[in-house]
Amino acid sequence: MGELHDRDDRDVREIRDAVLCLGSARSRLRLEQEHLLEDITHEKAQALWEECGYLRRHRQIQGCASAQAQVQAETRDALKCDVTSALRKIRAQLEGHAVQSTLQRSGSE
């Protein structure tokens, strides 16, 4: 009976060691899982920050392009007004010269 008792003690020790080993492995896996979840959360946060930065830059670029287009349109409109005004002045001067030429020809005759 002593031999049977020794074998039972050895089996109990092996099972206890296996349970302790599994408990330790389980703790390591939980810790590793927590670290992975933290990494994933950090990687997601980092990706979202990068996406926000991209969207800000893209929006600013669009905003700059829009503002630039508006400035160009305003400049073009201002130039049109200036050109129109200059053409009116030139036309008035030419008409004035034409009238003077006509008067001078009439007076010479």
Protein backbone atom coordinates (compact mmCIF):
# COMPACT_ATOMS: atom_id res chain seq x y z
CA MET A 1 0.00 0.00 0.00
CA GLY A 2 2.92 2.29 0.55
CA GLU A 3 3.84 2.03 -3.11
CA LEU A 4 0.33 3.01 -4.14
CA HIS A 5 0.38 5.92 -1.70
CA ASP A 6 3.74 7.14 -3.11
CA ARG A 7 2.41 6.97 -6.66
CA ASP A 8 -0.69 8.94 -5.65
CA ASP A 9 1.48 11.58 -3.98
CA ARG A 10 3.64 11.84 -7.11
CA ASP A 11 0.54 12.14 -9.32
CA VAL A 12 -0.92 14.82 -7.05
CA ARG A 13 2.39 16.76 -7.15
CA GLU A 14 2.53 16.51 -10.97
CA ILE A 15 -1.06 17.70 -11.27
CA ARG A 16 -0.42 20.54 -8.79
CA ASP A 17 2.72 21.57 -10.74
CA ALA A 18 0.74 21.46 -14.01
CA VAL A 19 -2.01 23.61 -12.46
CA LEU A 20 0.56 26.11 -11.18
CA CYS A 21 2.26 26.15 -14.58
CA LEU A 22 -1.07 26.71 -16.33
CA GLY A 23 -1.95 29.49 -13.85
CA SER A 24 1.38 31.19 -14.54
CA ALA A 25 0.92 30.82 -18.30
CA ARG A 26 -2.59 32.22 -18.01
CA SER A 27 -1.30 35.26 -16.09
CA ARG A 28 1.40 35.84 -18.73
CA LEU A 29 -1.20 35.57 -21.51
CA ARG A 30 -3.51 38.05 -19.76
CA LEU A 31 -0.64 40.48 -19.33
CA GLU A 32 0.37 40.04 -22.97
CA GLN A 33 -3.26 40.55 -24.02
CA GLU A 34 -3.45 43.78 -22.01
CA HIS A 35 -0.23 45.02 -23.64
CA LEU A 36 -1.56 44.14 -27.08
CA LEU A 37 -4.84 45.93 -26.39
CA GLU A 38 -2.88 49.00 -25.21
CA ASP A 39 -0.75 48.84 -28.37
CA ILE A 40 -3.81 48.49 -30.58
CA THR A 41 -5.51 51.39 -28.81
CA HIS A 42 -2.35 53.48 -29.18
CA GLU A 43 -1.99 52.47 -32.88
CA LYS A 44 -5.67 53.33 -33.48
CA ALA A 45 -5.26 56.68 -31.71
CA GLN A 46 -2.11 57.38 -33.71
CA ALA A 47 -3.89 56.50 -36.96
CA LEU A 48 -6.79 58.77 -36.07
CA TRP A 49 -4.40 61.64 -35.26
CA GLU A 50 -2.65 61.13 -38.58
CA GLU A 51 -5.98 61.06 -40.39
CA CYS A 52 -7.03 64.27 -38.61
CA GLY A 53 -3.78 65.90 -39.67
CA TYR A 54 -4.30 64.79 -43.25
CA LEU A 55 -7.85 66.09 -43.27
CA ARG A 56 -6.75 69.42 -41.77
CA ARG A 57 -4.01 69.81 -44.36
CA HIS A 58 -6.36 68.77 -47.16
CA ARG A 59 -9.03 71.19 -45.97
CA GLN A 60 -6.49 74.01 -45.66
CA ILE A 61 -5.22 73.24 -49.13
CA GLN A 62 -8.77 73.36 -50.43
CA GLY A 63 -9.33 76.53 -48.41
CA CYS A 64 -6.17 78.08 -49.85
CA ALA A 65 -7.17 77.07 -53.35
CA SER A 66 -10.62 78.51 -52.80
CA ALA A 67 -9.22 81.74 -51.36
CA GLN A 68 -6.72 81.95 -54.20
CA ALA A 69 -9.48 81.45 -56.77
CA GLN A 70 -11.53 84.16 -55.05
CA VAL A 71 -8.58 86.58 -55.07
CA GLN A 72 -7.96 85.80 -58.74
CA ALA A 73 -11.63 86.42 -59.54
CA GLU A 74 -11.62 89.69 -57.62
CA THR A 75 -8.40 90.76 -59.33
CA ARG A 76 -9.84 89.81 -62.72
CA ASP A 77 -13.01 91.80 -61.98
CA ALA A 78 -10.95 94.78 -60.83
CA LEU A 79 -8.84 94.59 -63.98
CA LYS A 80 -11.99 94.40 -66.12
CA CYS A 81 -13.28 97.53 -64.43
CA ASP A 82 -9.92 99.26 -64.93
CA VAL A 83 -9.73 98.16 -68.58
CA THR A 84 -13.32 99.25 -69.18
CA SER A 85 -12.60 102.61 -67.59
CA ALA A 86 -9.40 103.02 -69.61
CA LEU A 87 -11.22 102.11 -72.82
CA ARG A 88 -13.92 104.71 -72.08
CA LYS A 89 -11.24 107.36 -71.57
CA ILE A 90 -9.47 106.39 -74.77
CA ARG A 91 -12.77 106.39 -76.68
CA ALA A 92 -13.61 109.84 -75.29
CA GLN A 93 -10.17 111.13 -76.29
CA LEU A 94 -10.49 109.64 -79.77
CA GLU A 95 -13.95 111.12 -80.18
CA GLY A 96 -12.55 114.43 -79.00
CA HIS A 97 -9.73 114.20 -81.54
CA ALA A 98 -12.17 113.19 -84.25
CA VAL A 99 -14.38 116.18 -83.46
CA GLN A 100 -11.36 118.51 -83.48
CA SER A 101 -10.17 117.03 -86.78
CA THR A 102 -13.59 117.48 -88.28
CA LEU A 103 -13.77 121.07 -87.00
CA GLN A 104 -10.30 121.84 -88.32
CA ARG A 105 -11.16 120.44 -91.74
CA SER A 106 -14.39 122.38 -91.75
CA GLY A 107 -12.56 125.55 -90.80
CA SER A 108 -9.91 125.04 -93.50
CA GLU A 109 -12.40 124.70 -96.23
